[in-house]
Amino acid sequence: MLRAAAAPTLALAGLDLPVLASGALVVETIFAWPGMGRVATESVLAEDYPVALASCLVAAIAVVLGRLASEALGRALDPRLRGDAP
């Protein structure tokens, strides 16, 4: 049962990576901690478009890499997804 539930669980876990980044953005802004979240927030408020676009690009790359990693782990754990069987 755990093997069958691993692929969907990993698919959702791979999409949690951007959620962690957005949580960092909120926490860094509220507590005034230095970090990428605070830089992104200040760049949007200061209309610094290149930095704001770079922070969006980093978030998009995190989504893609998280999804690719979860798919690769799902294929490794679930033999039905490998495509080896006829």
Protein backbone atom coordinates (compact mmCIF):
# COMPACT_ATOMS: atom_id res chain seq x y z
CA MET A 1 0.00 0.00 0.00
CA LEU A 2 2.85 2.38 0.77
CA ARG A 3 4.44 1.76 -2.62
CA ALA A 4 1.19 2.67 -4.39
CA ALA A 5 0.80 5.84 -2.35
CA ALA A 6 4.41 6.98 -2.82
CA ALA A 7 4.06 8.49 -6.31
CA PRO A 8 1.16 10.86 -5.57
CA THR A 9 2.71 11.85 -2.26
CA LEU A 10 6.01 12.67 -3.94
CA ALA A 11 4.22 14.63 -6.67
CA LEU A 12 2.64 16.86 -4.06
CA ALA A 13 5.87 17.14 -2.08
CA GLY A 14 7.69 18.35 -5.19
CA LEU A 15 5.23 21.20 -5.52
CA ASP A 16 5.79 22.26 -1.90
CA LEU A 17 9.22 23.73 -2.70
CA PRO A 18 7.79 27.05 -3.96
CA VAL A 19 5.45 27.16 -0.98
CA LEU A 20 8.49 27.09 1.29
CA ALA A 21 10.01 29.97 -0.66
CA SER A 22 6.85 32.06 -0.40
CA GLY A 23 6.68 31.32 3.32
CA ALA A 24 10.24 32.57 3.64
CA LEU A 25 9.20 35.75 1.83
CA VAL A 26 6.47 36.44 4.37
CA VAL A 27 8.57 35.59 7.42
CA GLU A 28 11.55 37.64 6.24
CA THR A 29 9.34 40.62 5.52
CA ILE A 30 7.50 40.51 8.84
CA PHE A 31 10.56 39.98 11.04
CA ALA A 32 12.91 42.14 8.89
CA TRP A 33 15.39 39.30 8.45
CA PRO A 34 17.86 39.61 5.59
CA GLY A 35 17.29 37.12 2.81
CA MET A 36 15.97 36.56 -0.67
CA GLY A 37 12.36 37.03 0.36
CA ARG A 38 13.03 40.44 1.77
CA VAL A 39 15.06 41.42 -1.31
CA ALA A 40 12.17 40.35 -3.54
CA THR A 41 9.64 42.32 -1.50
CA GLU A 42 11.78 45.45 -1.41
CA SER A 43 12.47 45.23 -5.14
CA VAL A 44 8.76 45.11 -5.93
CA LEU A 45 8.03 48.05 -3.63
CA ALA A 46 10.94 50.05 -5.07
CA GLU A 47 9.95 49.15 -8.65
CA ASP A 48 13.32 47.53 -9.29
CA TYR A 49 12.12 45.39 -12.18
CA PRO A 50 15.26 43.36 -12.95
CA VAL A 51 15.53 42.12 -9.36
CA ALA A 52 11.79 41.43 -9.18
CA LEU A 53 11.95 39.44 -12.43
CA ALA A 54 14.98 37.52 -11.17
CA SER A 55 13.11 36.54 -8.00
CA CYS A 56 10.19 35.34 -10.12
CA LEU A 57 12.62 33.37 -12.28
CA VAL A 58 14.13 31.71 -9.20
CA ALA A 59 10.63 30.76 -8.02
CA ALA A 60 9.78 29.33 -11.45
CA ILE A 61 13.01 27.32 -11.52
CA ALA A 62 12.18 25.98 -8.05
CA VAL A 63 8.79 24.81 -9.35
CA VAL A 64 10.34 23.05 -12.33
CA LEU A 65 13.16 21.43 -10.35
CA GLY A 66 10.80 20.31 -7.60
CA ARG A 67 8.46 18.77 -10.13
CA LEU A 68 11.28 17.03 -12.01
CA ALA A 69 12.73 15.63 -8.78
CA SER A 70 9.36 14.34 -7.63
CA GLU A 71 8.72 12.71 -11.00
CA ALA A 72 12.14 11.04 -11.00
CA LEU A 73 11.64 9.71 -7.48
CA GLY A 74 8.12 8.56 -8.35
CA ARG A 75 9.41 6.61 -11.34
CA ALA A 76 12.15 5.05 -9.23
CA LEU A 77 9.72 3.91 -6.55
CA ASP A 78 6.75 2.80 -8.65
CA PRO A 79 7.49 0.07 -11.20
CA ARG A 80 4.25 0.81 -13.07
CA LEU A 81 5.59 4.21 -14.11
CA ARG A 82 8.94 2.97 -15.42
CA GLY A 83 7.59 1.62 -18.68
CA ASP A 84 9.70 -1.56 -18.49
CA ALA A 85 6.72 -3.90 -18.34
CA PRO A 86 4.94 -4.86 -21.59
